[in-house]
Amino acid sequence: MSAVDVAGRELKVGQLVAHTERAAYRGLTTSRIVKITAKQVELSVKSWSGADSGMRREHSAVCIVEDI
């Protein structure tokens, strides 16, 4: 079974997705998928200092955002 987002679309490395903020769980932000595991996706997130850091979310907790 492949990894799918909340809308049922297949997730792939490099895709832009919307998800909740790190600890607050309110508001949304966007990040790129760096890795996909059996249950979660690892996201590349810019920290407040500007450095890249990793964050994990369950497949159903992200939604693909079309690149424009």
C-alpha atoms as a PDB file:
ATOM      1  CA  MET A   1       0.000   0.000   0.000  1.00  0.00           C
ATOM      2  CA  SER A   2       1.362   3.406  -0.943  1.00  0.00           C
ATOM      3  CA  ALA A   3       1.429   6.506   1.241  1.00  0.00           C
ATOM      4  CA  VAL A   4      -1.498   8.848   0.608  1.00  0.00           C
ATOM      5  CA  ASP A   5      -2.404  12.294   1.941  1.00  0.00           C
ATOM      6  CA  VAL A   6      -5.666  13.247   3.668  1.00  0.00           C
ATOM      7  CA  ALA A   7      -7.389  13.546   0.257  1.00  0.00           C
ATOM      8  CA  GLY A   8      -6.209  10.095  -0.865  1.00  0.00           C
ATOM      9  CA  ARG A   9      -3.536  11.310  -3.313  1.00  0.00           C
ATOM     10  CA  GLU A  10      -0.207   9.466  -3.520  1.00  0.00           C
ATOM     11  CA  LEU A  11       2.668  11.139  -1.653  1.00  0.00           C
ATOM     12  CA  LYS A  12       6.111  11.387  -3.284  1.00  0.00           C
ATOM     13  CA  VAL A  13       9.495  12.722  -2.162  1.00  0.00           C
ATOM     14  CA  GLY A  14       9.924  16.367  -3.178  1.00  0.00           C
ATOM     15  CA  GLN A  15       6.224  17.256  -3.092  1.00  0.00           C
ATOM     16  CA  LEU A  16       5.041  20.412  -1.344  1.00  0.00           C
ATOM     17  CA  VAL A  17       2.521  19.668   1.419  1.00  0.00           C
ATOM     18  CA  ALA A  18       0.509  21.697   3.936  1.00  0.00           C
ATOM     19  CA  HIS A  19       0.555  20.621   7.589  1.00  0.00           C
ATOM     20  CA  THR A  20       0.134  21.958  11.124  1.00  0.00           C
ATOM     21  CA  GLU A  21       2.888  23.948  12.817  1.00  0.00           C
ATOM     22  CA  ARG A  22       5.492  22.164  14.954  1.00  0.00           C
ATOM     23  CA  ALA A  23       4.231  22.339  18.539  1.00  0.00           C
ATOM     24  CA  ALA A  24       1.238  24.650  18.480  1.00  0.00           C
ATOM     25  CA  TYR A  25      -0.968  22.429  16.302  1.00  0.00           C
ATOM     26  CA  ARG A  26      -2.810  25.482  15.073  1.00  0.00           C
ATOM     27  CA  GLY A  27      -2.330  27.230  11.808  1.00  0.00           C
ATOM     28  CA  LEU A  28      -0.801  25.697   8.704  1.00  0.00           C
ATOM     29  CA  THR A  29       2.569  25.868   7.018  1.00  0.00           C
ATOM     30  CA  THR A  30       4.081  24.259   3.932  1.00  0.00           C
ATOM     31  CA  SER A  31       7.133  22.018   3.597  1.00  0.00           C
ATOM     32  CA  ARG A  32       8.734  19.588   1.154  1.00  0.00           C
ATOM     33  CA  ILE A  33       8.715  15.830   1.705  1.00  0.00           C
ATOM     34  CA  VAL A  34      12.252  14.478   2.200  1.00  0.00           C
ATOM     35  CA  LYS A  35      11.505  10.884   3.160  1.00  0.00           C
ATOM     36  CA  ILE A  36       8.502   8.572   3.334  1.00  0.00           C
ATOM     37  CA  THR A  37       8.265   5.761   5.889  1.00  0.00           C
ATOM     38  CA  ALA A  38       5.533   3.176   6.402  1.00  0.00           C
ATOM     39  CA  LYS A  39       3.511   5.459   8.688  1.00  0.00           C
ATOM     40  CA  GLN A  40       4.945   8.969   8.405  1.00  0.00           C
ATOM     41  CA  VAL A  41       6.547  11.511   6.097  1.00  0.00           C
ATOM     42  CA  GLU A  42       9.665  13.434   7.051  1.00  0.00           C
ATOM     43  CA  LEU A  43       9.449  17.109   6.122  1.00  0.00           C
ATOM     44  CA  SER A  44      12.077  19.785   5.541  1.00  0.00           C
ATOM     45  CA  VAL A  45      11.077  22.728   7.738  1.00  0.00           C
ATOM     46  CA  LYS A  46      12.759  26.124   8.095  1.00  0.00           C
ATOM     47  CA  SER A  47      13.302  26.893  11.770  1.00  0.00           C
ATOM     48  CA  TRP A  48      13.022  30.415  13.219  1.00  0.00           C
ATOM     49  CA  SER A  49      16.808  30.738  12.868  1.00  0.00           C
ATOM     50  CA  GLY A  50      16.606  29.951   9.140  1.00  0.00           C
ATOM     51  CA  ALA A  51      18.226  26.507   9.374  1.00  0.00           C
ATOM     52  CA  ASP A  52      16.569  23.421   7.888  1.00  0.00           C
ATOM     53  CA  SER A  53      15.274  20.903  10.381  1.00  0.00           C
ATOM     54  CA  GLY A  54      13.252  17.727  10.097  1.00  0.00           C
ATOM     55  CA  MET A  55       9.697  17.148  11.233  1.00  0.00           C
ATOM     56  CA  ARG A  56       7.525  14.061  10.967  1.00  0.00           C
ATOM     57  CA  ARG A  57       3.791  13.872  10.370  1.00  0.00           C
ATOM     58  CA  GLU A  58       1.474  10.938   9.730  1.00  0.00           C
ATOM     59  CA  HIS A  59       0.434  10.487   6.099  1.00  0.00           C
ATOM     60  CA  SER A  60      -3.137  11.566   6.877  1.00  0.00           C
ATOM     61  CA  ALA A  61      -1.938  14.779   8.566  1.00  0.00           C
ATOM     62  CA  VAL A  62      -0.589  16.351   5.361  1.00  0.00           C
ATOM     63  CA  CYS A  63      -2.234  17.594   2.178  1.00  0.00           C
ATOM     64  CA  ILE A  64      -0.482  18.013  -1.170  1.00  0.00           C
ATOM     65  CA  VAL A  65      -0.246  21.623  -2.375  1.00  0.00           C
ATOM     66  CA  GLU A  66       0.073  22.128  -6.127  1.00  0.00           C
ATOM     67  CA  ASP A  67       3.215  24.033  -7.136  1.00  0.00           C
ATOM     68  CA  ILE A  68       2.515  27.331  -8.874  1.00  0.00           C
END
